[in-house]
Amino acid sequence: MELIIDANILLSALISTNGKTCDLIFNDRLKLFAPDFLLDELEKHKEEILSKSTLSESEFELFLSLISSRIEFFSYSEFRRFISISKDISPDPNDTEYFALALRLNCGIWSNDKKLKEQDQVKVYSTSELIKIV
């Protein structure tokens, strides 16, 4: 199953490295994609992640590297032509790029943000839904 993974899913995985979210990220039945700005988002929240997790800074870097190896990142230019459509679809303006990439790749989005389900153009899966499917 191919999915766009959103930042909150990765934040959750980094905070709780032994949880179900991490298990799913490393599940071979999932092929994960993300806009490349996602890595910047994680760096921006690094201190928050470190304070909420048991990870040291070096463990954070290592774990982020491992997780990143499971995700194929796309630059804005690779999905830019879908931005105008995704602005009409996305219930949250902050998630426009995730929707644009989902449209570009014709796949769903993995997010626990219930608001994203308030549209019917792109399938949005929560972690609990993926656990049952995968």
C-alpha atoms as a PDB file:
ATOM      1  CA  MET A   1       0.000   0.000   0.000  1.00  0.00           C
ATOM      2  CA  GLU A   2       1.374   3.403  -0.989  1.00  0.00           C
ATOM      3  CA  LEU A   3       0.776   6.352   1.340  1.00  0.00           C
ATOM      4  CA  ILE A   4       1.837   9.919   1.985  1.00  0.00           C
ATOM      5  CA  ILE A   5       2.991  10.143   5.601  1.00  0.00           C
ATOM      6  CA  ASP A   6       2.333  13.376   7.452  1.00  0.00           C
ATOM      7  CA  ALA A   7       4.541  15.116  10.011  1.00  0.00           C
ATOM      8  CA  ASN A   8       2.418  14.230  13.033  1.00  0.00           C
ATOM      9  CA  ILE A   9       2.849  10.526  12.311  1.00  0.00           C
ATOM     10  CA  LEU A  10       6.625  10.911  12.272  1.00  0.00           C
ATOM     11  CA  LEU A  11       6.582  13.065  15.404  1.00  0.00           C
ATOM     12  CA  SER A  12       4.615  10.326  17.136  1.00  0.00           C
ATOM     13  CA  ALA A  13       7.072   7.662  15.965  1.00  0.00           C
ATOM     14  CA  LEU A  14      10.069   9.635  17.214  1.00  0.00           C
ATOM     15  CA  ILE A  15       8.451  10.312  20.589  1.00  0.00           C
ATOM     16  CA  SER A  16       7.417   6.694  21.117  1.00  0.00           C
ATOM     17  CA  THR A  17       9.962   4.568  19.272  1.00  0.00           C
ATOM     18  CA  ASN A  18       8.484   1.285  20.537  1.00  0.00           C
ATOM     19  CA  GLY A  19       4.906   2.012  19.477  1.00  0.00           C
ATOM     20  CA  LYS A  20       2.586   0.778  16.753  1.00  0.00           C
ATOM     21  CA  THR A  21       3.389   3.797  14.576  1.00  0.00           C
ATOM     22  CA  CYS A  22       7.034   2.726  14.339  1.00  0.00           C
ATOM     23  CA  ASP A  23       6.000  -0.833  13.598  1.00  0.00           C
ATOM     24  CA  LEU A  24       3.917   0.425  10.679  1.00  0.00           C
ATOM     25  CA  ILE A  25       6.676   2.679   9.332  1.00  0.00           C
ATOM     26  CA  PHE A  26       8.962  -0.338   9.117  1.00  0.00           C
ATOM     27  CA  ASN A  27       6.273  -2.662   7.719  1.00  0.00           C
ATOM     28  CA  ASP A  28       7.321  -3.863   4.262  1.00  0.00           C
ATOM     29  CA  ARG A  29       3.711  -3.763   3.052  1.00  0.00           C
ATOM     30  CA  LEU A  30       3.756   0.040   3.217  1.00  0.00           C
ATOM     31  CA  LYS A  31       5.544   2.250   0.709  1.00  0.00           C
ATOM     32  CA  LEU A  32       5.796   5.729   2.189  1.00  0.00           C
ATOM     33  CA  PHE A  33       6.228   9.105   0.506  1.00  0.00           C
ATOM     34  CA  ALA A  34       6.485  12.677   1.777  1.00  0.00           C
ATOM     35  CA  PRO A  35       7.188  16.209   0.634  1.00  0.00           C
ATOM     36  CA  ASP A  36      10.833  16.988   1.379  1.00  0.00           C
ATOM     37  CA  PHE A  37       9.889  19.867   3.710  1.00  0.00           C
ATOM     38  CA  LEU A  38       8.880  17.190   6.213  1.00  0.00           C
ATOM     39  CA  LEU A  39      12.498  16.774   7.307  1.00  0.00           C
ATOM     40  CA  ASP A  40      12.685  20.509   8.030  1.00  0.00           C
ATOM     41  CA  GLU A  41       9.529  20.192  10.150  1.00  0.00           C
ATOM     42  CA  LEU A  42      11.112  17.447  12.227  1.00  0.00           C
ATOM     43  CA  GLU A  43      14.280  19.491  12.737  1.00  0.00           C
ATOM     44  CA  LYS A  44      12.138  22.443  13.797  1.00  0.00           C
ATOM     45  CA  HIS A  45      10.470  20.261  16.460  1.00  0.00           C
ATOM     46  CA  LYS A  46      13.653  18.475  17.523  1.00  0.00           C
ATOM     47  CA  GLU A  47      13.800  19.982  21.032  1.00  0.00           C
ATOM     48  CA  GLU A  48      10.137  19.149  21.644  1.00  0.00           C
ATOM     49  CA  ILE A  49      10.696  15.567  20.470  1.00  0.00           C
ATOM     50  CA  LEU A  50      13.767  15.171  22.663  1.00  0.00           C
ATOM     51  CA  SER A  51      11.929  16.503  25.717  1.00  0.00           C
ATOM     52  CA  LYS A  52       8.945  14.164  25.183  1.00  0.00           C
ATOM     53  CA  SER A  53      10.928  11.057  24.259  1.00  0.00           C
ATOM     54  CA  THR A  54      13.661   9.021  25.888  1.00  0.00           C
ATOM     55  CA  LEU A  55      16.003   9.635  22.951  1.00  0.00           C
ATOM     56  CA  SER A  56      19.376  11.319  23.271  1.00  0.00           C
ATOM     57  CA  GLU A  57      20.336  13.735  20.507  1.00  0.00           C
ATOM     58  CA  SER A  58      22.492  11.129  18.774  1.00  0.00           C
ATOM     59  CA  GLU A  59      19.728   8.508  19.068  1.00  0.00           C
ATOM     60  CA  PHE A  60      17.285  11.019  17.591  1.00  0.00           C
ATOM     61  CA  GLU A  61      19.603  11.580  14.606  1.00  0.00           C
ATOM     62  CA  LEU A  62      20.088   7.843  14.104  1.00  0.00           C
ATOM     63  CA  PHE A  63      16.400   7.046  14.394  1.00  0.00           C
ATOM     64  CA  LEU A  64      15.463   9.910  12.066  1.00  0.00           C
ATOM     65  CA  SER A  65      17.959   8.547   9.557  1.00  0.00           C
ATOM     66  CA  LEU A  66      16.443   5.051   9.814  1.00  0.00           C
ATOM     67  CA  ILE A  67      12.906   6.354   9.401  1.00  0.00           C
ATOM     68  CA  SER A  68      13.963   8.566   6.500  1.00  0.00           C
ATOM     69  CA  SER A  69      15.392   5.540   4.717  1.00  0.00           C
ATOM     70  CA  ARG A  70      11.849   4.108   4.626  1.00  0.00           C
ATOM     71  CA  ILE A  71      10.364   7.223   2.996  1.00  0.00           C
ATOM     72  CA  GLU A  72      10.771   8.496  -0.542  1.00  0.00           C
ATOM     73  CA  PHE A  73      10.903  12.293  -0.480  1.00  0.00           C
ATOM     74  CA  PHE A  74       9.647  14.557  -3.273  1.00  0.00           C
ATOM     75  CA  SER A  75      10.618  18.144  -3.953  1.00  0.00           C
ATOM     76  CA  TYR A  76       7.915  20.777  -4.381  1.00  0.00           C
ATOM     77  CA  SER A  77       8.632  20.998  -8.107  1.00  0.00           C
ATOM     78  CA  GLU A  78       7.583  17.351  -8.506  1.00  0.00           C
ATOM     79  CA  PHE A  79       4.004  17.989  -7.340  1.00  0.00           C
ATOM     80  CA  ARG A  80       3.603  21.758  -7.804  1.00  0.00           C
ATOM     81  CA  ARG A  81       1.092  21.355 -10.649  1.00  0.00           C
ATOM     82  CA  PHE A  82      -1.373  19.750  -8.194  1.00  0.00           C
ATOM     83  CA  ILE A  83      -1.241  22.568  -5.623  1.00  0.00           C
ATOM     84  CA  SER A  84      -4.208  24.532  -6.998  1.00  0.00           C
ATOM     85  CA  ILE A  85      -6.421  21.424  -6.980  1.00  0.00           C
ATOM     86  CA  SER A  86      -5.250  20.409  -3.513  1.00  0.00           C
ATOM     87  CA  LYS A  87      -6.067  23.876  -2.144  1.00  0.00           C
ATOM     88  CA  ASP A  88      -9.680  23.194  -3.065  1.00  0.00           C
ATOM     89  CA  ILE A  89      -9.605  19.707  -1.530  1.00  0.00           C
ATOM     90  CA  SER A  90      -7.594  20.085   1.682  1.00  0.00           C
ATOM     91  CA  PRO A  91      -9.709  20.933   4.743  1.00  0.00           C
ATOM     92  CA  ASP A  92      -6.562  22.420   6.316  1.00  0.00           C
ATOM     93  CA  PRO A  93      -4.441  24.907   4.323  1.00  0.00           C
ATOM     94  CA  ASN A  94      -1.336  23.608   6.132  1.00  0.00           C
ATOM     95  CA  ASP A  95      -1.822  20.198   4.517  1.00  0.00           C
ATOM     96  CA  THR A  96      -2.096  21.357   0.902  1.00  0.00           C
ATOM     97  CA  GLU A  97       1.283  19.891  -0.055  1.00  0.00           C
ATOM     98  CA  TYR A  98       0.391  16.470   1.348  1.00  0.00           C
ATOM     99  CA  PHE A  99      -2.773  16.460  -0.758  1.00  0.00           C
ATOM    100  CA  ALA A 100      -0.889  17.677  -3.829  1.00  0.00           C
ATOM    101  CA  LEU A 101       1.613  14.843  -3.502  1.00  0.00           C
ATOM    102  CA  ALA A 102      -1.205  12.343  -2.911  1.00  0.00           C
ATOM    103  CA  LEU A 103      -2.867  13.528  -6.114  1.00  0.00           C
ATOM    104  CA  ARG A 104       0.439  13.378  -8.004  1.00  0.00           C
ATOM    105  CA  LEU A 105       1.084   9.783  -6.858  1.00  0.00           C
ATOM    106  CA  ASN A 106      -2.574   8.728  -6.818  1.00  0.00           C
ATOM    107  CA  CYS A 107      -2.407   7.354  -3.287  1.00  0.00           C
ATOM    108  CA  GLY A 108      -3.817   7.945   0.182  1.00  0.00           C
ATOM    109  CA  ILE A 109      -2.524   9.880   3.169  1.00  0.00           C
ATOM    110  CA  TRP A 110      -1.554   8.465   6.568  1.00  0.00           C
ATOM    111  CA  SER A 111      -2.648  10.988   9.185  1.00  0.00           C
ATOM    112  CA  ASN A 112      -4.420  10.990  12.528  1.00  0.00           C
ATOM    113  CA  ASP A 113      -5.855  14.433  11.795  1.00  0.00           C
ATOM    114  CA  LYS A 114      -9.622  13.772  11.671  1.00  0.00           C
ATOM    115  CA  LYS A 115     -10.184  17.053   9.852  1.00  0.00           C
ATOM    116  CA  LEU A 116      -8.448  15.640   6.758  1.00  0.00           C
ATOM    117  CA  LYS A 117     -11.278  13.140   6.348  1.00  0.00           C
ATOM    118  CA  GLU A 118     -13.670  16.032   5.678  1.00  0.00           C
ATOM    119  CA  GLN A 119     -13.180  15.584   1.924  1.00  0.00           C
ATOM    120  CA  ASP A 120     -13.788  12.704  -0.457  1.00  0.00           C
ATOM    121  CA  GLN A 121     -11.057  13.093  -3.076  1.00  0.00           C
ATOM    122  CA  VAL A 122      -8.128  11.481  -1.240  1.00  0.00           C
ATOM    123  CA  LYS A 123      -8.446   8.525   1.140  1.00  0.00           C
ATOM    124  CA  VAL A 124      -7.018   9.333   4.575  1.00  0.00           C
ATOM    125  CA  TYR A 125      -6.004   6.475   6.878  1.00  0.00           C
ATOM    126  CA  SER A 126      -5.448   6.757  10.618  1.00  0.00           C
ATOM    127  CA  THR A 127      -2.861   4.643  12.429  1.00  0.00           C
ATOM    128  CA  SER A 128      -5.601   2.496  13.958  1.00  0.00           C
ATOM    129  CA  GLU A 129      -7.132   1.872  10.516  1.00  0.00           C
ATOM    130  CA  LEU A 130      -3.752   0.869   9.069  1.00  0.00           C
ATOM    131  CA  ILE A 131      -3.107  -1.558  11.922  1.00  0.00           C
ATOM    132  CA  LYS A 132      -6.289  -3.424  10.916  1.00  0.00           C
ATOM    133  CA  ILE A 133      -5.445  -3.385   7.188  1.00  0.00           C
ATOM    134  CA  VAL A 134      -1.734  -4.154   7.217  1.00  0.00           C
END
